[in-house]
Amino acid sequence: MSGFMVHKVTQVKDGPLLMEGPVEIEMDDGTTVRSDRFVVALCTCRRSRTAPFCDTSHRRKVRDDG
Protein backbone atom coordinates (compact mmCIF):
# COMPACT_ATOMS: atom_id res chain seq x y z
CA MET A 1 0.00 0.00 0.00
CA SER A 2 2.74 2.44 -0.71
CA GLY A 3 2.04 5.77 -2.35
CA PHE A 4 -1.29 6.59 -0.72
CA MET A 5 -2.77 7.11 2.72
CA VAL A 6 -5.53 4.84 4.01
CA HIS A 7 -8.37 6.39 6.01
CA LYS A 8 -10.93 4.46 8.00
CA VAL A 9 -14.62 5.00 7.15
CA THR A 10 -17.34 3.61 9.43
CA GLN A 11 -20.99 3.34 8.41
CA VAL A 12 -23.36 4.08 11.32
CA LYS A 13 -26.69 2.25 11.09
CA ASP A 14 -29.40 4.81 10.26
CA GLY A 15 -26.79 7.54 10.55
CA PRO A 16 -23.78 9.17 8.93
CA LEU A 17 -20.51 7.88 7.59
CA LEU A 18 -17.72 8.56 10.07
CA MET A 19 -14.41 9.25 8.38
CA GLU A 20 -11.00 9.83 9.87
CA GLY A 21 -10.00 13.41 9.16
CA PRO A 22 -8.89 15.80 8.05
CA VAL A 23 -10.91 15.56 4.84
CA GLU A 24 -11.32 17.58 1.69
CA ILE A 25 -14.53 16.97 -0.27
CA GLU A 26 -15.12 18.02 -3.85
CA MET A 27 -18.80 18.90 -4.27
CA ASP A 28 -20.84 18.24 -7.41
CA ASP A 29 -20.60 21.92 -8.39
CA GLY A 30 -16.79 21.78 -8.31
CA THR A 31 -16.34 23.64 -5.02
CA THR A 32 -14.24 22.14 -2.24
CA VAL A 33 -15.11 21.94 1.45
CA ARG A 34 -12.61 20.98 4.12
CA SER A 35 -12.75 19.79 7.72
CA ASP A 36 -9.70 19.51 9.93
CA ARG A 37 -11.54 17.53 12.60
CA PHE A 38 -10.13 14.21 13.85
CA VAL A 39 -13.37 12.40 12.87
CA VAL A 40 -15.84 13.82 10.35
CA ALA A 41 -19.50 12.77 10.12
CA LEU A 42 -20.72 12.79 6.51
CA CYS A 43 -24.47 12.97 5.91
CA THR A 44 -26.13 10.05 4.14
CA CYS A 45 -29.81 10.92 4.76
CA ARG A 46 -29.67 14.11 2.64
CA ARG A 47 -31.52 16.12 5.34
CA SER A 48 -28.54 17.96 6.80
CA ARG A 49 -28.54 21.74 6.59
CA THR A 50 -24.74 21.60 6.80
CA ALA A 51 -24.27 19.09 3.97
CA PRO A 52 -22.05 17.29 3.22
CA PHE A 53 -21.52 17.20 6.99
CA CYS A 54 -24.04 15.57 9.32
CA ASP A 55 -26.08 17.81 11.65
CA THR A 56 -28.03 14.85 13.18
CA SER A 57 -31.16 15.59 11.10
CA HIS A 58 -31.51 11.83 10.58
CA ARG A 59 -32.56 11.55 14.25
CA ARG A 60 -35.79 13.45 13.54
CA LYS A 61 -36.85 10.93 10.90
CA VAL A 62 -40.42 9.72 11.44
CA ARG A 63 -40.78 6.04 10.67
CA ASP A 64 -43.92 4.42 9.38
CA ASP A 65 -43.75 0.89 10.79
CA GLY A 66 -47.19 -0.17 9.80
PDB file of N, CA and C in Angstrom:
ATOM      1  N   MET A   1       0.815  -1.194   0.000  1.00  0.00           N
ATOM      2  CA  MET A   1       0.000   0.000   0.000  1.00  0.00           C
ATOM      3  C   MET A   1       0.854   1.251   0.000  1.00  0.00           C
ATOM      4  N   SER A   2       1.902   1.251  -0.672  1.00  0.00           N
ATOM      5  CA  SER A   2       2.742   2.440  -0.710  1.00  0.00           C
ATOM      6  C   SER A   2       2.192   3.448  -1.703  1.00  0.00           C
ATOM      7  N   GLY A   3       2.438   4.725  -1.416  1.00  0.00           N
ATOM      8  CA  GLY A   3       2.042   5.765  -2.348  1.00  0.00           C
ATOM      9  C   GLY A   3       0.734   6.456  -2.025  1.00  0.00           C
ATOM     10  N   PHE A   4      -0.054   5.909  -1.087  1.00  0.00           N
ATOM     11  CA  PHE A   4      -1.288   6.594  -0.723  1.00  0.00           C
ATOM     12  C   PHE A   4      -1.620   6.314   0.737  1.00  0.00           C
ATOM     13  N   MET A   5      -2.413   7.215   1.316  1.00  0.00           N
ATOM     14  CA  MET A   5      -2.773   7.105   2.718  1.00  0.00           C
ATOM     15  C   MET A   5      -4.135   6.435   2.850  1.00  0.00           C
ATOM     16  N   VAL A   6      -4.273   5.533   3.777  1.00  0.00           N
ATOM     17  CA  VAL A   6      -5.528   4.837   4.011  1.00  0.00           C
ATOM     18  C   VAL A   6      -6.259   5.512   5.169  1.00  0.00           C
ATOM     19  N   HIS A   7      -7.533   5.811   4.972  1.00  0.00           N
ATOM     20  CA  HIS A   7      -8.368   6.394   6.011  1.00  0.00           C
ATOM     21  C   HIS A   7      -9.502   5.435   6.323  1.00  0.00           C
ATOM     22  N   LYS A   8      -9.844   5.324   7.582  1.00  0.00           N
ATOM     23  CA  LYS A   8     -10.930   4.455   7.996  1.00  0.00           C
ATOM     24  C   LYS A   8     -12.257   5.179   7.849  1.00  0.00           C
ATOM     25  N   VAL A   9     -13.259   4.493   7.274  1.00  0.00           N
ATOM     26  CA  VAL A   9     -14.618   5.002   7.152  1.00  0.00           C
ATOM     27  C   VAL A   9     -15.543   3.989   7.820  1.00  0.00           C
ATOM     28  N   THR A  10     -16.415   4.478   8.713  1.00  0.00           N
ATOM     29  CA  THR A  10     -17.337   3.605   9.426  1.00  0.00           C
ATOM     30  C   THR A  10     -18.764   4.012   9.106  1.00  0.00           C
ATOM     31  N   GLN A  11     -19.587   3.051   8.681  1.00  0.00           N
ATOM     32  CA  GLN A  11     -20.985   3.337   8.411  1.00  0.00           C
ATOM     33  C   GLN A  11     -21.774   3.127   9.702  1.00  0.00           C
ATOM     34  N   VAL A  12     -22.526   4.151  10.130  1.00  0.00           N
ATOM     35  CA  VAL A  12     -23.355   4.078  11.321  1.00  0.00           C
ATOM     36  C   VAL A  12     -24.771   3.716  10.877  1.00  0.00           C
ATOM     37  N   LYS A  13     -25.344   2.661  11.472  1.00  0.00           N
ATOM     38  CA  LYS A  13     -26.687   2.245  11.091  1.00  0.00           C
ATOM     39  C   LYS A  13     -27.665   3.396  11.285  1.00  0.00           C
ATOM     40  N   ASP A  14     -28.435   3.703  10.261  1.00  0.00           N
ATOM     41  CA  ASP A  14     -29.401   4.808  10.257  1.00  0.00           C
ATOM     42  C   ASP A  14     -28.761   6.151  10.580  1.00  0.00           C
ATOM     43  N   GLY A  15     -27.487   6.299  10.237  1.00  0.00           N
ATOM     44  CA  GLY A  15     -26.788   7.538  10.547  1.00  0.00           C
ATOM     45  C   GLY A  15     -25.757   7.883   9.486  1.00  0.00           C
ATOM     46  N   PRO A  16     -24.780   8.677   9.882  1.00  0.00           N
ATOM     47  CA  PRO A  16     -23.780   9.173   8.930  1.00  0.00           C
ATOM     48  C   PRO A  16     -22.656   8.177   8.683  1.00  0.00           C
ATOM     49  N   LEU A  17     -21.794   8.545   7.759  1.00  0.00           N
ATOM     50  CA  LEU A  17     -20.511   7.878   7.594  1.00  0.00           C
ATOM     51  C   LEU A  17     -19.509   8.636   8.439  1.00  0.00           C
ATOM     52  N   LEU A  18     -18.767   7.933   9.262  1.00  0.00           N
ATOM     53  CA  LEU A  18     -17.719   8.558  10.068  1.00  0.00           C
ATOM     54  C   LEU A  18     -16.397   8.307   9.386  1.00  0.00           C
ATOM     55  N   MET A  19     -15.660   9.362   9.108  1.00  0.00           N
ATOM     56  CA  MET A  19     -14.406   9.254   8.379  1.00  0.00           C
ATOM     57  C   MET A  19     -13.295   9.910   9.160  1.00  0.00           C
ATOM     58  N   GLU A  20     -12.158   9.230   9.223  1.00  0.00           N
ATOM     59  CA  GLU A  20     -10.996   9.828   9.868  1.00  0.00           C
ATOM     60  C   GLU A  20     -10.600  11.065   9.087  1.00  0.00           C
ATOM     61  N   GLY A  21     -10.358  12.148   9.796  1.00  0.00           N
ATOM     62  CA  GLY A  21     -10.002  13.406   9.159  1.00  0.00           C
ATOM     63  C   GLY A  21      -8.522  13.664   9.243  1.00  0.00           C
ATOM     64  N   PRO A  22      -8.087  14.779   8.740  1.00  0.00           N
ATOM     65  CA  PRO A  22      -8.891  15.796   8.054  1.00  0.00           C
ATOM     66  C   PRO A  22      -9.330  15.311   6.676  1.00  0.00           C
ATOM     67  N   VAL A  23     -10.382  15.933   6.151  1.00  0.00           N
ATOM     68  CA  VAL A  23     -10.905  15.560   4.843  1.00  0.00           C
ATOM     69  C   VAL A  23     -11.080  16.788   3.968  1.00  0.00           C
ATOM     70  N   GLU A  24     -11.022  16.564   2.688  1.00  0.00           N
ATOM     71  CA  GLU A  24     -11.321  17.578   1.686  1.00  0.00           C
ATOM     72  C   GLU A  24     -12.297  16.931   0.728  1.00  0.00           C
ATOM     73  N   ILE A  25     -13.455  17.556   0.532  1.00  0.00           N
ATOM     74  CA  ILE A  25     -14.525  16.974  -0.269  1.00  0.00           C
ATOM     75  C   ILE A  25     -14.805  17.868  -1.454  1.00  0.00           C
ATOM     76  N   GLU A  26     -14.761  17.284  -2.643  1.00  0.00           N
ATOM     77  CA  GLU A  26     -15.125  18.022  -3.852  1.00  0.00           C
ATOM     78  C   GLU A  26     -16.610  17.828  -4.094  1.00  0.00           C
ATOM     79  N   MET A  27     -17.349  18.926  -4.096  1.00  0.00           N
ATOM     80  CA  MET A  27     -18.797  18.897  -4.274  1.00  0.00           C
ATOM     81  C   MET A  27     -19.147  18.756  -5.753  1.00  0.00           C
ATOM     82  N   ASP A  28     -20.423  18.443  -6.019  1.00  0.00           N
ATOM     83  CA  ASP A  28     -20.839  18.237  -7.406  1.00  0.00           C
ATOM     84  C   ASP A  28     -20.749  19.489  -8.259  1.00  0.00           C
ATOM     85  N   ASP A  29     -20.725  20.672  -7.623  1.00  0.00           N
ATOM     86  CA  ASP A  29     -20.597  21.917  -8.387  1.00  0.00           C
ATOM     87  C   ASP A  29     -19.141  22.343  -8.581  1.00  0.00           C
ATOM     88  N   GLY A  30     -18.209  21.497  -8.120  1.00  0.00           N
ATOM     89  CA  GLY A  30     -16.789  21.778  -8.306  1.00  0.00           C
ATOM     90  C   GLY A  30     -16.127  22.506  -7.141  1.00  0.00           C
ATOM     91  N   THR A  31     -16.924  22.997  -6.185  1.00  0.00           N
ATOM     92  CA  THR A  31     -16.337  23.641  -5.015  1.00  0.00           C
ATOM     93  C   THR A  31     -15.749  22.594  -4.076  1.00  0.00           C
ATOM     94  N   THR A  32     -14.882  23.035  -3.194  1.00  0.00           N
ATOM     95  CA  THR A  32     -14.238  22.137  -2.243  1.00  0.00           C
ATOM     96  C   THR A  32     -14.542  22.604  -0.832  1.00  0.00           C
ATOM     97  N   VAL A  33     -14.923  21.646   0.032  1.00  0.00           N
ATOM     98  CA  VAL A  33     -15.108  21.938   1.454  1.00  0.00           C
ATOM     99  C   VAL A  33     -14.101  21.101   2.230  1.00  0.00           C
ATOM    100  N   ARG A  34     -13.654  21.639   3.356  1.00  0.00           N
ATOM    101  CA  ARG A  34     -12.607  20.979   4.123  1.00  0.00           C
ATOM    102  C   ARG A  34     -12.981  20.956   5.604  1.00  0.00           C
ATOM    103  N   SER A  35     -12.617  19.883   6.265  1.00  0.00           N
ATOM    104  CA  SER A  35     -12.749  19.790   7.716  1.00  0.00           C
ATOM    105  C   SER A  35     -11.441  19.260   8.269  1.00  0.00           C
ATOM    106  N   ASP A  36     -10.941  19.929   9.295  1.00  0.00           N
ATOM    107  CA  ASP A  36      -9.701  19.512   9.931  1.00  0.00           C
ATOM    108  C   ASP A  36      -9.952  18.695  11.194  1.00  0.00           C
ATOM    109  N   ARG A  37     -11.191  18.300  11.415  1.00  0.00           N
ATOM    110  CA  ARG A  37     -11.537  17.526  12.604  1.00  0.00           C
ATOM    111  C   ARG A  37     -10.904  16.139  12.558  1.00  0.00           C
ATOM    112  N   PHE A  38     -10.712  15.551  13.728  1.00  0.00           N
ATOM    113  CA  PHE A  38     -10.127  14.213  13.852  1.00  0.00           C
ATOM    114  C   PHE A  38     -11.040  13.149  13.241  1.00  0.00           C
ATOM    115  N   VAL A  39     -12.356  13.273  13.477  1.00  0.00           N
ATOM    116  CA  VAL A  39     -13.365  12.400  12.867  1.00  0.00           C
ATOM    117  C   VAL A  39     -14.441  13.307  12.291  1.00  0.00           C
ATOM    118  N   VAL A  40     -14.848  13.022  11.062  1.00  0.00           N
ATOM    119  CA  VAL A  40     -15.837  13.824  10.352  1.00  0.00           C
ATOM    120  C   VAL A  40     -17.058  12.957  10.086  1.00  0.00           C
ATOM    121  N   ALA A  41     -18.254  13.478  10.393  1.00  0.00           N
ATOM    122  CA  ALA A  41     -19.504  12.775  10.120  1.00  0.00           C
ATOM    123  C   ALA A  41     -20.075  13.299   8.810  1.00  0.00           C
ATOM    124  N   LEU A  42     -20.190  12.419   7.825  1.00  0.00           N
ATOM    125  CA  LEU A  42     -20.719  12.793   6.512  1.00  0.00           C
ATOM    126  C   LEU A  42     -22.163  12.332   6.391  1.00  0.00           C
ATOM    127  N   CYS A  43     -23.037  13.239   6.008  1.00  0.00           N
ATOM    128  CA  CYS A  43     -24.466  12.974   5.913  1.00  0.00           C
ATOM    129  C   CYS A  43     -24.774  11.948   4.820  1.00  0.00           C
ATOM    130  N   THR A  44     -25.655  11.002   5.143  1.00  0.00           N
ATOM    131  CA  THR A  44     -26.134  10.046   4.144  1.00  0.00           C
ATOM    132  C   THR A  44     -27.644  10.125   3.955  1.00  0.00           C
ATOM    133  N   CYS A  45     -28.353  10.855   4.848  1.00  0.00           N
ATOM    134  CA  CYS A  45     -29.813  10.922   4.758  1.00  0.00           C
ATOM    135  C   CYS A  45     -30.294  12.062   3.861  1.00  0.00           C
ATOM    136  N   ARG A  46     -29.391  12.972   3.519  1.00  0.00           N
ATOM    137  CA  ARG A  46     -29.673  14.113   2.644  1.00  0.00           C
ATOM    138  C   ARG A  46     -30.605  15.139   3.288  1.00  0.00           C
ATOM    139  N   ARG A  47     -30.678  15.148   4.628  1.00  0.00           N
ATOM    140  CA  ARG A  47     -31.515  16.115   5.340  1.00  0.00           C
ATOM    141  C   ARG A  47     -30.699  17.201   6.016  1.00  0.00           C
ATOM    142  N   SER A  48     -29.400  17.046   6.063  1.00  0.00           N
ATOM    143  CA  SER A  48     -28.538  17.958   6.795  1.00  0.00           C
ATOM    144  C   SER A  48     -28.547  19.355   6.186  1.00  0.00           C
ATOM    145  N   ARG A  49     -28.638  20.353   7.043  1.00  0.00           N
ATOM    146  CA  ARG A  49     -28.541  21.743   6.588  1.00  0.00           C
ATOM    147  C   ARG A  49     -27.091  22.170   6.442  1.00  0.00           C
ATOM    148  N   THR A  50     -26.170  21.313   6.894  1.00  0.00           N
ATOM    149  CA  THR A  50     -24.745  21.604   6.797  1.00  0.00           C
ATOM    150  C   THR A  50     -24.045  20.621   5.861  1.00  0.00           C
ATOM    151  N   ALA A  51     -24.797  20.087   4.902  1.00  0.00           N
ATOM    152  CA  ALA A  51     -24.265  19.088   3.967  1.00  0.00           C
ATOM    153  C   ALA A  51     -22.989  19.595   3.322  1.00  0.00           C
ATOM    154  N   PRO A  52     -22.021  18.738   3.135  1.00  0.00           N
ATOM    155  CA  PRO A  52     -22.053  17.286   3.224  1.00  0.00           C
ATOM    156  C   PRO A  52     -21.846  16.743   4.634  1.00  0.00           C
ATOM    157  N   PHE A  53     -21.751  17.643   5.620  1.00  0.00           N
ATOM    158  CA  PHE A  53     -21.516  17.200   6.985  1.00  0.00           C
ATOM    159  C   PHE A  53     -22.835  16.929   7.693  1.00  0.00           C
ATOM    160  N   CYS A  54     -22.844  15.956   8.585  1.00  0.00           N
ATOM    161  CA  CYS A  54     -24.043  15.573   9.323  1.00  0.00           C
ATOM    162  C   CYS A  54     -24.349  16.587  10.419  1.00  0.00           C
ATOM    163  N   ASP A  55     -25.644  16.941  10.554  1.00  0.00           N
ATOM    164  CA  ASP A  55     -26.076  17.806  11.653  1.00  0.00           C
ATOM    165  C   ASP A  55     -27.097  17.079  12.538  1.00  0.00           C
ATOM    166  N   THR A  56     -27.134  15.764  12.447  1.00  0.00           N
ATOM    167  CA  THR A  56     -28.029  14.847  13.176  1.00  0.00           C
ATOM    168  C   THR A  56     -29.494  14.964  12.760  1.00  0.00           C
ATOM    169  N   SER A  57     -29.779  15.505  11.598  1.00  0.00           N
ATOM    170  CA  SER A  57     -31.158  15.585  11.103  1.00  0.00           C
ATOM    171  C   SER A  57     -31.791  14.206  10.955  1.00  0.00           C
ATOM    172  N   HIS A  58     -30.980  13.191  10.733  1.00  0.00           N
ATOM    173  CA  HIS A  58     -31.508  11.834  10.582  1.00  0.00           C
ATOM    174  C   HIS A  58     -32.233  11.368  11.841  1.00  0.00           C
ATOM    175  N   ARG A  59     -31.922  11.955  12.984  1.00  0.00           N
ATOM    176  CA  ARG A  59     -32.562  11.551  14.246  1.00  0.00           C
ATOM    177  C   ARG A  59     -34.020  11.965  14.314  1.00  0.00           C
ATOM    178  N   ARG A  60     -34.400  12.970  13.528  1.00  0.00           N
ATOM    179  CA  ARG A  60     -35.787  13.452  13.540  1.00  0.00           C
ATOM    180  C   ARG A  60     -36.662  12.705  12.541  1.00  0.00           C
ATOM    181  N   LYS A  61     -36.109  11.705  11.906  1.00  0.00           N
ATOM    182  CA  LYS A  61     -36.846  10.933  10.898  1.00  0.00           C
ATOM    183  C   LYS A  61     -38.033  10.219  11.543  1.00  0.00           C
ATOM    184  N   VAL A  62     -39.222  10.395  10.961  1.00  0.00           N
ATOM    185  CA  VAL A  62     -40.417   9.720  11.438  1.00  0.00           C
ATOM    186  C   VAL A  62     -40.554   8.436  10.638  1.00  0.00           C
ATOM    187  N   ARG A  63     -40.677   7.334  11.351  1.00  0.00           N
ATOM    188  CA  ARG A  63     -40.784   6.036  10.674  1.00  0.00           C
ATOM    189  C   ARG A  63     -42.219   5.562  10.654  1.00  0.00           C
ATOM    190  N   ASP A  64     -42.601   5.001   9.529  1.00  0.00           N
ATOM    191  CA  ASP A  64     -43.918   4.420   9.379  1.00  0.00           C
ATOM    192  C   ASP A  64     -43.754   2.910   9.432  1.00  0.00           C
ATOM    193  N   ASP A  65     -43.960   2.332  10.612  1.00  0.00           N
ATOM    194  CA  ASP A  65     -43.750   0.891  10.791  1.00  0.00           C
ATOM    195  C   ASP A  65     -45.022   0.076  10.552  1.00  0.00           C
ATOM    196  N   GLY A  66     -46.023   0.658  10.049  1.00  0.00           N
ATOM    197  CA  GLY A  66     -47.185  -0.172   9.804  1.00  0.00           C
ATOM    198  C   GLY A  66     -48.284   0.610   9.335  1.00  0.00           C
TER     199      GLY A  66
END
